[in-house]
C-alpha atoms as a PDB file:
ATOM      1  CA  MET A   1      -0.102   0.158   0.287  1.00  0.00           C
ATOM      2  CA  GLN A   2       0.639   3.580  -0.348  1.00  0.00           C
ATOM      3  CA  LYS A   3       2.086   5.714   2.484  1.00  0.00           C
ATOM      4  CA  VAL A   4       1.532   9.645   2.700  1.00  0.00           C
ATOM      5  CA  ILE A   5       2.172  11.383   5.577  1.00  0.00           C
ATOM      6  CA  LEU A   6       0.675  15.387   5.541  1.00  0.00           C
ATOM      7  CA  SER A   7       2.570  17.824   7.233  1.00  0.00           C
ATOM      8  CA  ASN A   8       1.212  19.602  10.880  1.00  0.00           C
ATOM      9  CA  PRO A   9      -0.898  22.284   9.904  1.00  0.00           C
ATOM     10  CA  THR A  10       1.441  24.532  12.072  1.00  0.00           C
ATOM     11  CA  ASP A  11       5.344  24.851  11.915  1.00  0.00           C
ATOM     12  CA  PHE A  12       7.200  23.565  15.423  1.00  0.00           C
ATOM     13  CA  GLU A  13      10.282  23.164  16.773  1.00  0.00           C
ATOM     14  CA  GLY A  14      13.220  21.169  14.227  1.00  0.00           C
ATOM     15  CA  GLU A  15      10.069  19.863  11.633  1.00  0.00           C
ATOM     16  CA  ILE A  16      12.244  20.268   8.979  1.00  0.00           C
ATOM     17  CA  ALA A  17      14.947  17.448  10.624  1.00  0.00           C
ATOM     18  CA  ILE A  18      12.519  15.252  10.642  1.00  0.00           C
ATOM     19  CA  ILE A  19      10.523  15.318   7.487  1.00  0.00           C
ATOM     20  CA  GLU A  20      14.109  14.689   6.013  1.00  0.00           C
ATOM     21  CA  GLN A  21      14.039  12.358   8.226  1.00  0.00           C
ATOM     22  CA  LEU A  22      11.326  11.025   7.184  1.00  0.00           C
ATOM     23  CA  LEU A  23      11.866  10.932   3.526  1.00  0.00           C
ATOM     24  CA  MET A  24      14.026   9.130   3.896  1.00  0.00           C
ATOM     25  CA  GLU A  25      11.886   6.441   3.132  1.00  0.00           C
ATOM     26  CA  ASP A  26      11.980   4.817  -0.299  1.00  0.00           C
ATOM     27  CA  SER A  27       8.172   4.898  -1.212  1.00  0.00           C
ATOM     28  CA  LEU A  28       7.216   7.773   1.164  1.00  0.00           C
ATOM     29  CA  ILE A  29       5.347  10.423  -0.525  1.00  0.00           C
ATOM     30  CA  PHE A  30       4.832  13.864   1.220  1.00  0.00           C
ATOM     31  CA  HIS A  31       2.068  16.479   1.023  1.00  0.00           C
ATOM     32  CA  LEU A  32       3.272  20.198   2.317  1.00  0.00           C
ATOM     33  CA  ARG A  33       0.291  21.441   3.841  1.00  0.00           C
ATOM     34  CA  LYS A  34       0.657  24.936   6.222  1.00  0.00           C
ATOM     35  CA  PRO A  35      -3.057  26.386   5.173  1.00  0.00           C
ATOM     36  CA  ASP A  36      -1.842  29.906   6.952  1.00  0.00           C
ATOM     37  CA  LYS A  37       1.189  29.658   4.745  1.00  0.00           C
ATOM     38  CA  SER A  38       1.594  33.064   2.772  1.00  0.00           C
ATOM     39  CA  LEU A  39       2.907  32.151  -0.630  1.00  0.00           C
ATOM     40  CA  LYS A  40       6.746  33.936   0.808  1.00  0.00           C
ATOM     41  CA  GLU A  41       5.987  32.080   3.995  1.00  0.00           C
ATOM     42  CA  TYR A  42       5.453  28.949   2.000  1.00  0.00           C
ATOM     43  CA  GLU A  43       7.925  28.792  -0.476  1.00  0.00           C
ATOM     44  CA  SER A  44      10.330  29.611   2.236  1.00  0.00           C
ATOM     45  CA  PHE A  45       9.208  26.640   4.058  1.00  0.00           C
ATOM     46  CA  LEU A  46       9.655  24.475   0.982  1.00  0.00           C
ATOM     47  CA  LYS A  47      13.146  26.217   0.220  1.00  0.00           C
ATOM     48  CA  SER A  48      14.085  24.859   3.795  1.00  0.00           C
ATOM     49  CA  ILE A  49      13.693  20.874   2.855  1.00  0.00           C
ATOM     50  CA  SER A  50      16.257  19.284   1.320  1.00  0.00           C
ATOM     51  CA  PRO A  51      15.940  19.729  -2.827  1.00  0.00           C
ATOM     52  CA  LYS A  52      16.917  15.791  -3.023  1.00  0.00           C
ATOM     53  CA  PHE A  53      13.838  15.302  -1.625  1.00  0.00           C
ATOM     54  CA  TYR A  54      11.724  17.398  -4.187  1.00  0.00           C
ATOM     55  CA  LYS A  55      10.382  14.513  -6.549  1.00  0.00           C
ATOM     56  CA  LYS A  56       8.097  13.002  -3.299  1.00  0.00           C
ATOM     57  CA  ILE A  57       6.343  16.306  -2.006  1.00  0.00           C
ATOM     58  CA  VAL A  58       3.017  17.438  -3.567  1.00  0.00           C
ATOM     59  CA  LEU A  59       1.780  21.215  -2.802  1.00  0.00           C
ATOM     60  CA  HIS A  60      -1.415  21.577  -1.348  1.00  0.00           C
ATOM     61  CA  SER A  61      -1.732  25.485  -1.913  1.00  0.00           C
ATOM     62  CA  HIS A  62       0.174  28.092  -3.872  1.00  0.00           C
ATOM     63  CA  HIS A  63      -0.132  25.376  -6.847  1.00  0.00           C
ATOM     64  CA  GLU A  64       2.351  28.219  -9.010  1.00  0.00           C
ATOM     65  CA  LEU A  65       5.774  26.899  -7.541  1.00  0.00           C
ATOM     66  CA  ILE A  66       4.883  23.757  -9.344  1.00  0.00           C
ATOM     67  CA  LYS A  67       6.378  25.810 -12.397  1.00  0.00           C
ATOM     68  CA  LYS A  68      10.298  27.137 -10.078  1.00  0.00           C
ATOM     69  CA  TYR A  69      10.706  23.204  -8.403  1.00  0.00           C
ATOM     70  CA  ASN A  70      10.835  20.013  -9.358  1.00  0.00           C
ATOM     71  CA  LEU A  71       8.174  18.337  -7.187  1.00  0.00           C
ATOM     72  CA  ARG A  72       6.234  15.247  -6.980  1.00  0.00           C
ATOM     73  CA  GLY A  73       2.623  17.263  -8.436  1.00  0.00           C
ATOM     74  CA  ILE A  74      -0.221  19.322  -6.844  1.00  0.00           C
ATOM     75  CA  HIS A  75      -3.054  17.896  -4.115  1.00  0.00           C
ATOM     76  CA  ILE A  76      -6.227  19.662  -5.069  1.00  0.00           C
ATOM     77  CA  THR A  77      -8.363  20.137  -2.039  1.00  0.00           C
ATOM     78  CA  GLU A  78     -12.327  20.581  -1.857  1.00  0.00           C
ATOM     79  CA  LYS A  79     -12.715  24.399  -1.233  1.00  0.00           C
ATOM     80  CA  ILE A  80     -10.230  24.502  -4.263  1.00  0.00           C
ATOM     81  CA  ARG A  81     -11.825  22.395  -6.989  1.00  0.00           C
ATOM     82  CA  GLN A  82     -15.649  24.140  -5.515  1.00  0.00           C
ATOM     83  CA  ASN A  83     -13.704  27.007  -6.247  1.00  0.00           C
ATOM     84  CA  MET A  84     -12.030  26.721  -9.961  1.00  0.00           C
ATOM     85  CA  ASP A  85     -14.443  26.486 -13.326  1.00  0.00           C
ATOM     86  CA  GLU A  86     -14.734  22.710 -14.480  1.00  0.00           C
ATOM     87  CA  PHE A  87     -12.703  24.030 -17.182  1.00  0.00           C
ATOM     88  CA  VAL A  88      -9.726  25.835 -16.326  1.00  0.00           C
ATOM     89  CA  MET A  89      -9.516  22.938 -13.721  1.00  0.00           C
ATOM     90  CA  GLU A  90     -10.081  20.251 -16.085  1.00  0.00           C
ATOM     91  CA  ASN A  91      -7.182  21.968 -18.270  1.00  0.00           C
ATOM     92  CA  MET A  92      -4.610  22.729 -15.594  1.00  0.00           C
ATOM     93  CA  VAL A  93      -5.274  18.486 -14.383  1.00  0.00           C
ATOM     94  CA  LYS A  94      -3.927  17.896 -18.389  1.00  0.00           C
ATOM     95  CA  LEU A  95      -1.633  20.249 -18.429  1.00  0.00           C
ATOM     96  CA  LEU A  96       0.402  18.630 -15.294  1.00  0.00           C
ATOM     97  CA  ARG A  97      -0.320  14.519 -15.770  1.00  0.00           C
ATOM     98  CA  ASN A  98       0.967  15.563 -19.374  1.00  0.00           C
ATOM     99  CA  ARG A  99       3.962  17.299 -17.525  1.00  0.00           C
ATOM    100  CA  GLY A 100       4.546  13.548 -15.698  1.00  0.00           C
ATOM    101  CA  LEU A 101       2.882  15.668 -12.862  1.00  0.00           C
ATOM    102  CA  SER A 102       0.848  13.862 -10.011  1.00  0.00           C
ATOM    103  CA  VAL A 103      -2.715  15.339  -9.864  1.00  0.00           C
ATOM    104  CA  SER A 104      -4.642  14.533  -6.417  1.00  0.00           C
ATOM    105  CA  PHE A 105      -7.890  15.129  -4.682  1.00  0.00           C
ATOM    106  CA  SER A 106      -9.285  15.159  -1.417  1.00  0.00           C
ATOM    107  CA  LEU A 107     -13.120  14.298  -1.469  1.00  0.00           C
ATOM    108  CA  HIS A 108     -15.198  13.031   1.320  1.00  0.00           C
ATOM    109  CA  THR A 109     -18.163  10.943  -0.415  1.00  0.00           C
ATOM    110  CA  LEU A 110     -18.456   7.985  -2.117  1.00  0.00           C
ATOM    111  CA  ASN A 111     -20.212   9.614  -4.700  1.00  0.00           C
ATOM    112  CA  ALA A 112     -17.323  12.249  -5.347  1.00  0.00           C
ATOM    113  CA  ILE A 113     -15.537   9.319  -6.303  1.00  0.00           C
ATOM    114  CA  GLU A 114     -17.200   8.064  -8.855  1.00  0.00           C
ATOM    115  CA  ASN A 115     -18.518  10.870 -10.159  1.00  0.00           C
ATOM    116  CA  LEU A 116     -14.783  12.789 -10.188  1.00  0.00           C
ATOM    117  CA  ALA A 117     -15.201  14.763 -13.815  1.00  0.00           C
ATOM    118  CA  PHE A 118     -10.930  14.876 -13.840  1.00  0.00           C
ATOM    119  CA  LYS A 119      -8.113  12.022 -14.057  1.00  0.00           C
ATOM    120  CA  ALA A 120      -6.330  11.939 -10.994  1.00  0.00           C
ATOM    121  CA  ASP A 121      -3.113  10.072  -9.501  1.00  0.00           C
ATOM    122  CA  TYR A 122      -4.762   9.217  -6.483  1.00  0.00           C
ATOM    123  CA  VAL A 123      -7.505  10.624  -3.754  1.00  0.00           C
ATOM    124  CA  PHE A 124      -7.385  10.312  -0.618  1.00  0.00           C
ATOM    125  CA  LEU A 125     -11.368  10.109   1.235  1.00  0.00           C
ATOM    126  CA  SER A 126     -11.951  11.045   4.966  1.00  0.00           C
ATOM    127  CA  PRO A 127     -12.477  10.792   7.194  1.00  0.00           C
ATOM    128  CA  ILE A 128     -12.561   7.668   7.760  1.00  0.00           C
ATOM    129  CA  LEU A 129     -11.470   6.724  11.342  1.00  0.00           C
ATOM    130  CA  LYS A 130     -12.234   8.994  15.045  1.00  0.00           C
ATOM    131  CA  SER A 131      -9.021  11.630  14.471  1.00  0.00           C
ATOM    132  CA  ILE A 132      -6.197  11.903  16.427  1.00  0.00           C
ATOM    133  CA  SER A 133      -5.971  15.749  16.015  1.00  0.00           C
ATOM    134  CA  LYS A 134      -8.908  17.226  16.125  1.00  0.00           C
ATOM    135  CA  THR A 135     -11.200  15.651  18.507  1.00  0.00           C
ATOM    136  CA  ASP A 136     -14.763  16.337  17.555  1.00  0.00           C
ATOM    137  CA  TYR A 137     -13.812  14.678  13.996  1.00  0.00           C
ATOM    138  CA  ILE A 138     -15.415  10.908  13.866  1.00  0.00           C
ATOM    139  CA  GLY A 139     -15.414   8.143  10.981  1.00  0.00           C
ATOM    140  CA  ALA A 140     -18.501   9.369   8.141  1.00  0.00           C
ATOM    141  CA  PHE A 141     -18.963   5.628   7.163  1.00  0.00           C
ATOM    142  CA  THR A 142     -19.120   2.229   8.448  1.00  0.00           C
ATOM    143  CA  MET A 143     -16.320  -1.009   7.728  1.00  0.00           C
ATOM    144  CA  ASP A 144     -19.339  -2.423   6.063  1.00  0.00           C
ATOM    145  CA  GLU A 145     -20.412   0.595   3.742  1.00  0.00           C
ATOM    146  CA  LEU A 146     -16.667   1.339   2.288  1.00  0.00           C
ATOM    147  CA  ARG A 147     -16.058  -2.839   2.055  1.00  0.00           C
ATOM    148  CA  PHE A 148     -19.041  -2.800  -0.685  1.00  0.00           C
ATOM    149  CA  PHE A 149     -18.232   0.083  -2.625  1.00  0.00           C
ATOM    150  CA  PHE A 150     -14.713  -0.982  -2.997  1.00  0.00           C
ATOM    151  CA  GLN A 151     -16.738  -4.611  -4.273  1.00  0.00           C
ATOM    152  CA  VAL A 152     -18.771  -2.864  -6.694  1.00  0.00           C
ATOM    153  CA  ARG A 153     -17.120   1.117  -7.709  1.00  0.00           C
ATOM    154  CA  LYS A 154     -16.985   1.762 -11.829  1.00  0.00           C
ATOM    155  CA  SER A 155     -14.247   4.543 -10.574  1.00  0.00           C
ATOM    156  CA  GLU A 156     -10.630   2.588 -10.715  1.00  0.00           C
ATOM    157  CA  ILE A 157      -9.032   5.489  -9.241  1.00  0.00           C
ATOM    158  CA  PRO A 158      -6.993   4.322  -6.296  1.00  0.00           C
ATOM    159  CA  VAL A 159      -8.679   6.015  -2.572  1.00  0.00           C
ATOM    160  CA  PHE A 160      -6.170   6.695  -0.082  1.00  0.00           C
ATOM    161  CA  ALA A 161      -8.075   6.776   3.227  1.00  0.00           C
ATOM    162  CA  LEU A 162      -7.439  10.012   5.618  1.00  0.00           C
ATOM    163  CA  GLY A 163      -8.400  10.656   9.027  1.00  0.00           C
ATOM    164  CA  GLY A 164      -7.252   8.954  12.354  1.00  0.00           C
ATOM    165  CA  ILE A 165      -5.413   6.324  10.610  1.00  0.00           C
ATOM    166  CA  ARG A 166      -2.243   4.954  11.723  1.00  0.00           C
ATOM    167  CA  GLU A 167       0.592   2.940  10.487  1.00  0.00           C
ATOM    168  CA  GLU A 168      -0.773  -0.638  11.876  1.00  0.00           C
ATOM    169  CA  ASN A 169      -4.475  -0.263  10.453  1.00  0.00           C
ATOM    170  CA  GLU A 170      -3.004  -0.763   6.842  1.00  0.00           C
ATOM    171  CA  ASP A 171      -3.972  -4.628   7.112  1.00  0.00           C
ATOM    172  CA  LEU A 172      -7.205  -3.544   7.788  1.00  0.00           C
ATOM    173  CA  LEU A 173      -7.157  -0.850   5.471  1.00  0.00           C
ATOM    174  CA  GLN A 174      -6.219  -2.848   3.232  1.00  0.00           C
ATOM    175  CA  SER A 175      -8.614  -5.210   3.142  1.00  0.00           C
ATOM    176  CA  ILE A 176     -11.773  -3.455   2.959  1.00  0.00           C
ATOM    177  CA  GLY A 177      -9.393  -2.096  -0.490  1.00  0.00           C
ATOM    178  CA  PHE A 178      -8.258   1.049   0.201  1.00  0.00           C
ATOM    179  CA  GLN A 179      -5.041   1.515  -1.823  1.00  0.00           C
ATOM    180  CA  GLY A 180      -2.974   3.650  -0.077  1.00  0.00           C
ATOM    181  CA  TYR A 181      -3.184   5.665   3.472  1.00  0.00           C
ATOM    182  CA  VAL A 182      -2.439   9.182   4.662  1.00  0.00           C
ATOM    183  CA  LEU A 183      -0.774   9.775   8.659  1.00  0.00           C
ATOM    184  CA  MET A 184      -0.920  13.165   9.960  1.00  0.00           C
ATOM    185  CA  GLY A 185      -1.974  13.569  13.475  1.00  0.00           C
ATOM    186  CA  SER A 186       0.098   9.573  13.913  1.00  0.00           C
ATOM    187  CA  VAL A 187       3.156  10.990  13.280  1.00  0.00           C
ATOM    188  CA  TRP A 188       3.029  14.250  14.981  1.00  0.00           C
ATOM    189  CA  GLU A 189       1.736  13.170  18.179  1.00  0.00           C
ATOM    190  CA  LYS A 190       4.677  10.576  18.669  1.00  0.00           C
ATOM    191  CA  TYR A 191       6.817  13.980  17.475  1.00  0.00           C
ATOM    192  CA  PHE A 192       5.215  16.027  20.584  1.00  0.00           C
ATOM    193  CA  GLN A 193       5.388  13.730  22.889  1.00  0.00           C
ATOM    194  CA  GLU A 194       8.871  13.092  22.705  1.00  0.00           C
ATOM    195  CA  GLU A 195       9.237  16.522  22.718  1.00  0.00           C
ATOM    196  CA  LYS A 196       7.388  17.110  26.284  1.00  0.00           C
ATOM    197  CA  GLN A 197       9.134  14.287  27.613  1.00  0.00           C
ATOM    198  CA  HIS A 198      12.628  16.427  26.886  1.00  0.00           C
ATOM    199  CA  GLU A 199      11.088  19.460  28.654  1.00  0.00           C
END
């Protein structure tokens, strides 16, 4: 299964060193999501990561940076998708994929996967389990509902599970039908706990 790590949304001390350590894993994909950063701040953060890892990094915002750096691709959130003209998005997706760059989407319903009008390399489906980082976020689907969906679905887009996912969930997710999973809270929670122990 494909493993993706989603960055912590806010910065913390020692973060770049940890990101680079995580990126040493061969097949890992790293999604850079810093929703409160301006273009300048986002680019500065990206530049602080060694360029040797850029082909593993996917941008969640400030997609124009894809022209400037040798990155893996872009991720399109629900908000961006809803606010962009469908024709403009279709052309953008085609252009990027023709350049060999990955394009992925955040989706929140099973129907959205089946009805996605664009070719994507993969999509995130969330929330799957009770969130680790957001106490009021619970899974939106039953395991039976997900299993049935993967048995009968028409779409061939790889679907990655997001929300409350830990590495030890991999076998369960694979048995349901997911092709990958996204880690966020479970990764950064570990480093925050270690930091507290050292205080």
